[in-house]
PDB file of N, CA and C in Angstrom:
ATOM      1  N   MET A   1      84.783 161.362  89.386  1.00  0.00           N
ATOM      2  CA  MET A   1      85.493 161.584  88.131  1.00  0.00           C
ATOM      3  C   MET A   1      86.057 163.005  88.115  1.00  0.00           C
ATOM      4  N   ALA A   2      87.318 163.123  87.802  1.00  0.00           N
ATOM      5  CA  ALA A   2      87.981 164.423  87.803  1.00  0.00           C
ATOM      6  C   ALA A   2      87.554 165.251  86.588  1.00  0.00           C
ATOM      7  N   LEU A   3      87.474 166.550  86.788  1.00  0.00           N
ATOM      8  CA  LEU A   3      87.180 167.455  85.684  1.00  0.00           C
ATOM      9  C   LEU A   3      88.361 167.518  84.741  1.00  0.00           C
ATOM     10  N   VAL A   4      88.079 167.605  83.464  1.00  0.00           N
ATOM     11  CA  VAL A   4      89.131 167.826  82.482  1.00  0.00           C
ATOM     12  C   VAL A   4      89.301 169.338  82.356  1.00  0.00           C
ATOM     13  N   VAL A   5      90.527 169.784  82.514  1.00  0.00           N
ATOM     14  CA  VAL A   5      90.841 171.214  82.437  1.00  0.00           C
ATOM     15  C   VAL A   5      91.859 171.404  81.320  1.00  0.00           C
ATOM     16  N   LYS A   6      91.511 172.287  80.378  1.00  0.00           N
ATOM     17  CA  LYS A   6      92.387 172.547  79.236  1.00  0.00           C
ATOM     18  C   LYS A   6      92.461 174.052  79.022  1.00  0.00           C
ATOM     19  N   ILE A   7      93.661 174.533  78.689  1.00  0.00           N
ATOM     20  CA  ILE A   7      93.874 175.958  78.465  1.00  0.00           C
ATOM     21  C   ILE A   7      94.493 176.168  77.091  1.00  0.00           C
ATOM     22  N   TYR A   8      93.892 177.046  76.328  1.00  0.00           N
ATOM     23  CA  TYR A   8      94.493 177.551  75.096  1.00  0.00           C
ATOM     24  C   TYR A   8      95.170 178.847  75.506  1.00  0.00           C
ATOM     25  N   SER A   9      96.481 178.931  75.316  1.00  0.00           N
ATOM     26  CA  SER A   9      97.223 180.059  75.862  1.00  0.00           C
ATOM     27  C   SER A   9      98.325 180.519  74.910  1.00  0.00           C
ATOM     28  N   LEU A  10      98.974 181.592  75.336  1.00  0.00           N
ATOM     29  CA  LEU A  10     100.164 182.109  74.665  1.00  0.00           C
ATOM     30  C   LEU A  10     101.294 182.115  75.687  1.00  0.00           C
ATOM     31  N   SER A  11     102.492 181.787  75.266  1.00  0.00           N
ATOM     32  CA  SER A  11     103.618 181.718  76.201  1.00  0.00           C
ATOM     33  C   SER A  11     103.969 183.086  76.786  1.00  0.00           C
ATOM     34  N   THR A  12     103.612 184.157  76.095  1.00  0.00           N
ATOM     35  CA  THR A  12     103.963 185.514  76.522  1.00  0.00           C
ATOM     36  C   THR A  12     102.824 186.246  77.224  1.00  0.00           C
ATOM     37  N   CYS A  13     101.702 185.592  77.415  1.00  0.00           N
ATOM     38  CA  CYS A  13     100.496 186.226  77.969  1.00  0.00           C
ATOM     39  C   CYS A  13     100.507 186.172  79.498  1.00  0.00           C
ATOM     40  N   SER A  14     100.455 187.344  80.135  1.00  0.00           N
ATOM     41  CA  SER A  14     100.495 187.376  81.600  1.00  0.00           C
ATOM     42  C   SER A  14      99.229 186.773  82.206  1.00  0.00           C
ATOM     43  N   HIS A  15      98.079 186.947  81.572  1.00  0.00           N
ATOM     44  CA  HIS A  15      96.839 186.353  82.085  1.00  0.00           C
ATOM     45  C   HIS A  15      96.883 184.831  81.978  1.00  0.00           C
ATOM     46  N   CYS A  16      97.496 184.342  80.916  1.00  0.00           N
ATOM     47  CA  CYS A  16      97.665 182.895  80.755  1.00  0.00           C
ATOM     48  C   CYS A  16      98.570 182.340  81.856  1.00  0.00           C
ATOM     49  N   SER A  17      99.662 183.036  82.125  1.00  0.00           N
ATOM     50  CA  SER A  17     100.585 182.611  83.178  1.00  0.00           C
ATOM     51  C   SER A  17      99.904 182.611  84.541  1.00  0.00           C
ATOM     52  N   ARG A  18      99.101 183.630  84.815  1.00  0.00           N
ATOM     53  CA  ARG A  18      98.386 183.694  86.097  1.00  0.00           C
ATOM     54  C   ARG A  18      97.382 182.546  86.224  1.00  0.00           C
ATOM     55  N   THR A  19      96.732 182.205  85.119  1.00  0.00           N
ATOM     56  CA  THR A  19      95.784 181.094  85.132  1.00  0.00           C
ATOM     57  C   THR A  19      96.499 179.784  85.445  1.00  0.00           C
ATOM     58  N   LYS A  20      97.622 179.537  84.782  1.00  0.00           N
ATOM     59  CA  LYS A  20      98.393 178.313  85.033  1.00  0.00           C
ATOM     60  C   LYS A  20      98.891 178.262  86.475  1.00  0.00           C
ATOM     61  N   LYS A  21      99.340 179.406  86.989  1.00  0.00           N
ATOM     62  CA  LYS A  21      99.823 179.459  88.375  1.00  0.00           C
ATOM     63  C   LYS A  21      98.688 179.166  89.353  1.00  0.00           C
ATOM     64  N   LEU A  22      97.516 179.742  89.116  1.00  0.00           N
ATOM     65  CA  LEU A  22      96.363 179.490  89.984  1.00  0.00           C
ATOM     66  C   LEU A  22      96.032 178.000  90.016  1.00  0.00           C
ATOM     67  N   LEU A  23      95.970 177.379  88.868  1.00  0.00           N
ATOM     68  CA  LEU A  23      95.647 175.951  88.813  1.00  0.00           C
ATOM     69  C   LEU A  23      96.719 175.116  89.494  1.00  0.00           C
ATOM     70  N   THR A  24      97.973 175.453  89.275  1.00  0.00           N
ATOM     71  CA  THR A  24      99.069 174.738  89.930  1.00  0.00           C
ATOM     72  C   THR A  24      98.993 174.912  91.441  1.00  0.00           C
ATOM     73  N   ASP A  25      98.774 176.148  91.892  1.00  0.00           N
ATOM     74  CA  ASP A  25      98.682 176.423  93.333  1.00  0.00           C
ATOM     75  C   ASP A  25      97.511 175.686  93.976  1.00  0.00           C
ATOM     76  N   CYS A  26      96.442 175.446  93.201  1.00  0.00           N
ATOM     77  CA  CYS A  26      95.264 174.734  93.711  1.00  0.00           C
ATOM     78  C   CYS A  26      95.381 173.225  93.493  1.00  0.00           C
ATOM     79  N   ALA A  27      96.553 172.766  93.034  1.00  0.00           N
ATOM     80  CA  ALA A  27      96.828 171.342  92.794  1.00  0.00           C
ATOM     81  C   ALA A  27      95.845 170.727  91.796  1.00  0.00           C
ATOM     82  N   VAL A  28      95.490 171.515  90.781  1.00  0.00           N
ATOM     83  CA  VAL A  28      94.587 171.049  89.727  1.00  0.00           C
ATOM     84  C   VAL A  28      95.438 170.616  88.534  1.00  0.00           C
ATOM     85  N   GLN A  29      95.195 169.404  88.067  1.00  0.00           N
ATOM     86  CA  GLN A  29      95.903 168.936  86.876  1.00  0.00           C
ATOM     87  C   GLN A  29      95.228 169.537  85.653  1.00  0.00           C
ATOM     88  N   TYR A  30      96.021 169.989  84.708  1.00  0.00           N
ATOM     89  CA  TYR A  30      95.479 170.600  83.503  1.00  0.00           C
ATOM     90  C   TYR A  30      96.430 170.375  82.351  1.00  0.00           C
ATOM     91  N   GLU A  31      95.882 170.511  81.156  1.00  0.00           N
ATOM     92  CA  GLU A  31      96.730 170.485  79.972  1.00  0.00           C
ATOM     93  C   GLU A  31      96.621 171.849  79.317  1.00  0.00           C
ATOM     94  N   PHE A  32      97.670 172.255  78.660  1.00  0.00           N
ATOM     95  CA  PHE A  32      97.641 173.553  77.998  1.00  0.00           C
ATOM     96  C   PHE A  32      98.388 173.478  76.684  1.00  0.00           C
ATOM     97  N   THR A  33      98.040 174.387  75.814  1.00  0.00           N
ATOM     98  CA  THR A  33      98.735 174.531  74.553  1.00  0.00           C
ATOM     99  C   THR A  33      99.071 176.002  74.368  1.00  0.00           C
ATOM    100  N   ASP A  34     100.352 176.305  74.260  1.00  0.00           N
ATOM    101  CA  ASP A  34     100.798 177.660  73.950  1.00  0.00           C
ATOM    102  C   ASP A  34     100.794 177.784  72.423  1.00  0.00           C
ATOM    103  N   LEU A  35      99.766 178.407  71.893  1.00  0.00           N
ATOM    104  CA  LEU A  35      99.596 178.448  70.446  1.00  0.00           C
ATOM    105  C   LEU A  35     100.729 179.165  69.726  1.00  0.00           C
ATOM    106  N   ASP A  36     101.337 180.152  70.376  1.00  0.00           N
ATOM    107  CA  ASP A  36     102.412 180.894  69.718  1.00  0.00           C
ATOM    108  C   ASP A  36     103.686 180.058  69.546  1.00  0.00           C
ATOM    109  N   LEU A  37     103.765 178.918  70.202  1.00  0.00           N
ATOM    110  CA  LEU A  37     104.940 178.056  70.074  1.00  0.00           C
ATOM    111  C   LEU A  37     104.737 176.957  69.028  1.00  0.00           C
ATOM    112  N   LEU A  38     103.549 176.897  68.465  1.00  0.00           N
ATOM    113  CA  LEU A  38     103.256 175.895  67.439  1.00  0.00           C
ATOM    114  C   LEU A  38     103.662 176.424  66.068  1.00  0.00           C
ATOM    115  N   VAL A  39     103.860 175.516  65.125  1.00  0.00           N
ATOM    116  CA  VAL A  39     104.176 175.918  63.751  1.00  0.00           C
ATOM    117  C   VAL A  39     102.908 175.908  62.907  1.00  0.00           C
ATOM    118  N   GLU A  40     102.981 176.512  61.767  1.00  0.00           N
ATOM    119  CA  GLU A  40     101.870 176.848  60.891  1.00  0.00           C
ATOM    120  C   GLU A  40     100.646 175.936  60.944  1.00  0.00           C
ATOM    121  N   LYS A  41     100.713 174.759  60.371  1.00  0.00           N
ATOM    122  CA  LYS A  41      99.528 173.899  60.257  1.00  0.00           C
ATOM    123  C   LYS A  41      99.007 173.478  61.625  1.00  0.00           C
ATOM    124  N   GLU A  42      99.926 173.180  62.520  1.00  0.00           N
ATOM    125  CA  GLU A  42      99.540 172.777  63.871  1.00  0.00           C
ATOM    126  C   GLU A  42      98.837 173.936  64.593  1.00  0.00           C
ATOM    127  N   ARG A  43      99.396 175.144  64.461  1.00  0.00           N
ATOM    128  CA  ARG A  43      98.800 176.333  65.073  1.00  0.00           C
ATOM    129  C   ARG A  43      97.416 176.613  64.473  1.00  0.00           C
ATOM    130  N   ASP A  44      97.321 176.539  63.148  1.00  0.00           N
ATOM    131  CA  ASP A  44      96.043 176.793  62.476  1.00  0.00           C
ATOM    132  C   ASP A  44      94.979 175.798  62.931  1.00  0.00           C
ATOM    133  N   ALA A  45      95.354 174.542  63.058  1.00  0.00           N
ATOM    134  CA  ALA A  45      94.410 173.514  63.510  1.00  0.00           C
ATOM    135  C   ALA A  45      93.959 173.783  64.945  1.00  0.00           C
ATOM    136  N   MET A  46      94.896 174.192  65.794  1.00  0.00           N
ATOM    137  CA  MET A  46      94.558 174.468  67.190  1.00  0.00           C
ATOM    138  C   MET A  46      93.666 175.707  67.292  1.00  0.00           C
ATOM    139  N   LEU A  47      93.911 176.717  66.460  1.00  0.00           N
ATOM    140  CA  LEU A  47      93.045 177.912  66.434  1.00  0.00           C
ATOM    141  C   LEU A  47      91.627 177.545  66.017  1.00  0.00           C
ATOM    142  N   GLU A  48      91.501 176.668  65.036  1.00  0.00           N
ATOM    143  CA  GLU A  48      90.167 176.222  64.603  1.00  0.00           C
ATOM    144  C   GLU A  48      89.450 175.479  65.739  1.00  0.00           C
ATOM    145  N   GLU A  49      90.195 174.655  66.455  1.00  0.00           N
ATOM    146  CA  GLU A  49      89.623 173.940  67.608  1.00  0.00           C
ATOM    147  C   GLU A  49      89.167 174.933  68.667  1.00  0.00           C
ATOM    148  N   MET A  50      90.006 175.925  68.944  1.00  0.00           N
ATOM    149  CA  MET A  50      89.701 176.924  69.966  1.00  0.00           C
ATOM    150  C   MET A  50      88.471 177.752  69.593  1.00  0.00           C
ATOM    151  N   LYS A  51      88.295 178.048  68.301  1.00  0.00           N
ATOM    152  CA  LYS A  51      87.153 178.848  67.832  1.00  0.00           C
ATOM    153  C   LYS A  51      85.812 178.207  68.171  1.00  0.00           C
ATOM    154  N   GLN A  52      85.793 176.890  68.338  1.00  0.00           N
ATOM    155  CA  GLN A  52      84.560 176.204  68.730  1.00  0.00           C
ATOM    156  C   GLN A  52      84.091 176.679  70.102  1.00  0.00           C
ATOM    157  N   PHE A  53      85.026 177.050  70.946  1.00  0.00           N
ATOM    158  CA  PHE A  53      84.725 177.461  72.314  1.00  0.00           C
ATOM    159  C   PHE A  53      84.738 178.973  72.488  1.00  0.00           C
ATOM    160  N   ASN A  54      85.553 179.658  71.697  1.00  0.00           N
ATOM    161  CA  ASN A  54      85.721 181.106  71.809  1.00  0.00           C
ATOM    162  C   ASN A  54      85.996 181.672  70.417  1.00  0.00           C
ATOM    163  N   PRO A  55      84.931 182.028  69.687  1.00  0.00           N
ATOM    164  CA  PRO A  55      85.095 182.525  68.323  1.00  0.00           C
ATOM    165  C   PRO A  55      86.000 183.756  68.215  1.00  0.00           C
ATOM    166  N   ALA A  56      86.131 184.525  69.285  1.00  0.00           N
ATOM    167  CA  ALA A  56      86.984 185.715  69.266  1.00  0.00           C
ATOM    168  C   ALA A  56      88.468 185.359  69.348  1.00  0.00           C
ATOM    169  N   CYS A  57      88.786 184.128  69.709  1.00  0.00           N
ATOM    170  CA  CYS A  57      90.175 183.661  69.821  1.00  0.00           C
ATOM    171  C   CYS A  57      91.006 184.547  70.738  1.00  0.00           C
ATOM    172  N   THR A  58      90.494 184.825  71.925  1.00  0.00           N
ATOM    173  CA  THR A  58      91.236 185.592  72.914  1.00  0.00           C
ATOM    174  C   THR A  58      91.785 184.647  73.976  1.00  0.00           C
ATOM    175  N   PHE A  59      92.800 185.111  74.681  1.00  0.00           N
ATOM    176  CA  PHE A  59      93.545 184.245  75.605  1.00  0.00           C
ATOM    177  C   PHE A  59      93.504 184.761  77.024  1.00  0.00           C
ATOM    178  N   PRO A  60      93.554 183.859  77.991  1.00  0.00           N
ATOM    179  CA  PRO A  60      93.424 182.420  77.830  1.00  0.00           C
ATOM    180  C   PRO A  60      91.966 182.019  77.600  1.00  0.00           C
ATOM    181  N   THR A  61      91.793 180.923  76.899  1.00  0.00           N
ATOM    182  CA  THR A  61      90.488 180.270  76.789  1.00  0.00           C
ATOM    183  C   THR A  61      90.619 178.999  77.614  1.00  0.00           C
ATOM    184  N   ILE A  62      89.778 178.902  78.633  1.00  0.00           N
ATOM    185  CA  ILE A  62      89.897 177.823  79.614  1.00  0.00           C
ATOM    186  C   ILE A  62      88.657 176.936  79.537  1.00  0.00           C
ATOM    187  N   LEU A  63      88.872 175.638  79.430  1.00  0.00           N
ATOM    188  CA  LEU A  63      87.780 174.670  79.456  1.00  0.00           C
ATOM    189  C   LEU A  63      87.871 173.917  80.774  1.00  0.00           C
ATOM    190  N   ILE A  64      86.791 173.978  81.530  1.00  0.00           N
ATOM    191  CA  ILE A  64      86.717 173.229  82.786  1.00  0.00           C
ATOM    192  C   ILE A  64      85.445 172.404  82.705  1.00  0.00           C
ATOM    193  N   GLY A  65      85.626 171.103  82.445  1.00  0.00           N
ATOM    194  CA  GLY A  65      84.457 170.275  82.181  1.00  0.00           C
ATOM    195  C   GLY A  65      83.768 170.812  80.929  1.00  0.00           C
ATOM    196  N   ASP A  66      82.477 171.154  81.059  1.00  0.00           N
ATOM    197  CA  ASP A  66      81.744 171.698  79.912  1.00  0.00           C
ATOM    198  C   ASP A  66      81.638 173.221  79.961  1.00  0.00           C
ATOM    199  N   ARG A  67      82.340 173.857  80.906  1.00  0.00           N
ATOM    200  CA  ARG A  67      82.333 175.326  81.007  1.00  0.00           C
ATOM    201  C   ARG A  67      83.493 175.934  80.247  1.00  0.00           C
ATOM    202  N   VAL A  68      83.218 177.075  79.647  1.00  0.00           N
ATOM    203  CA  VAL A  68      84.249 177.840  78.946  1.00  0.00           C
ATOM    204  C   VAL A  68      84.398 179.169  79.664  1.00  0.00           C
ATOM    205  N   ILE A  69      85.624 179.490  80.056  1.00  0.00           N
ATOM    206  CA  ILE A  69      85.931 180.765  80.705  1.00  0.00           C
ATOM    207  C   ILE A  69      86.985 181.447  79.848  1.00  0.00           C
ATOM    208  N   VAL A  70      86.704 182.684  79.477  1.00  0.00           N
ATOM    209  CA  VAL A  70      87.635 183.443  78.647  1.00  0.00           C
ATOM    210  C   VAL A  70      88.263 184.532  79.504  1.00  0.00           C
ATOM    211  N   GLY A  71      89.582 184.529  79.553  1.00  0.00           N
ATOM    212  CA  GLY A  71      90.296 185.508  80.357  1.00  0.00           C
ATOM    213  C   GLY A  71      90.574 184.975  81.754  1.00  0.00           C
ATOM    214  N   TYR A  72      91.395 185.699  82.473  1.00  0.00           N
ATOM    215  CA  TYR A  72      91.721 185.312  83.845  1.00  0.00           C
ATOM    216  C   TYR A  72      90.625 185.843  84.764  1.00  0.00           C
ATOM    217  N   ARG A  73      89.738 184.949  85.165  1.00  0.00           N
ATOM    218  CA  ARG A  73      88.625 185.283  86.054  1.00  0.00           C
ATOM    219  C   ARG A  73      88.707 184.322  87.242  1.00  0.00           C
ATOM    220  N   GLU A  74      89.507 184.728  88.227  1.00  0.00           N
ATOM    221  CA  GLU A  74      89.856 183.819  89.321  1.00  0.00           C
ATOM    222  C   GLU A  74      88.633 183.222  89.993  1.00  0.00           C
ATOM    223  N   GLN A  75      87.669 184.041  90.373  1.00  0.00           N
ATOM    224  CA  GLN A  75      86.513 183.508  91.104  1.00  0.00           C
ATOM    225  C   GLN A  75      85.696 182.554  90.237  1.00  0.00           C
ATOM    226  N   GLU A  76      85.550 182.891  88.966  1.00  0.00           N
ATOM    227  CA  GLU A  76      84.808 182.027  88.048  1.00  0.00           C
ATOM    228  C   GLU A  76      85.527 180.689  87.878  1.00  0.00           C
ATOM    229  N   ILE A  77      86.847 180.736  87.804  1.00  0.00           N
ATOM    230  CA  ILE A  77      87.644 179.501  87.678  1.00  0.00           C
ATOM    231  C   ILE A  77      87.494 178.658  88.941  1.00  0.00           C
ATOM    232  N   ARG A  78      87.615 179.288  90.099  1.00  0.00           N
ATOM    233  CA  ARG A  78      87.474 178.575  91.377  1.00  0.00           C
ATOM    234  C   ARG A  78      86.081 177.936  91.494  1.00  0.00           C
ATOM    235  N   THR A  79      85.058 178.671  91.096  1.00  0.00           N
ATOM    236  CA  THR A  79      83.684 178.160  91.158  1.00  0.00           C
ATOM    237  C   THR A  79      83.526 176.944  90.242  1.00  0.00           C
ATOM    238  N   ALA A  80      84.032 177.056  89.021  1.00  0.00           N
ATOM    239  CA  ALA A  80      83.934 175.952  88.071  1.00  0.00           C
ATOM    240  C   ALA A  80      84.657 174.713  88.563  1.00  0.00           C
ATOM    241  N   LEU A  81      85.722 174.922  89.338  1.00  0.00           N
ATOM    242  CA  LEU A  81      86.497 173.797  89.891  1.00  0.00           C
ATOM    243  C   LEU A  81      85.904 173.261  91.189  1.00  0.00           C
ATOM    244  N   GLY A  82      84.922 173.984  91.727  1.00  0.00           N
ATOM    245  CA  GLY A  82      84.337 173.576  92.994  1.00  0.00           C
ATOM    246  C   GLY A  82      85.213 173.906  94.185  1.00  0.00           C
ATOM    247  N   LEU A  83      86.019 174.973  94.070  1.00  0.00           N
ATOM    248  CA  LEU A  83      86.930 175.364  95.160  1.00  0.00           C
ATOM    249  C   LEU A  83      86.347 176.491  95.975  1.00  0.00           C
TER     250      LEU A  83
END
């Protein structure tokens, strides 16, 4: 069974972009939400969802299976993916 990988990100965040590039380069399928591109209610709802995993609401917040990684931490991401 494949790991579910989800990223809460900002379209202008360099760490978010590096995280997406790393996952793409490693051929890992992932879903992401750029919160800054959402409108009011949708953004607020997504922030509330993100707070469950990262109360500080910092970016990127990465979910890999049941692990939460905050920030671009390449080795931690690779380990969580089993790479």
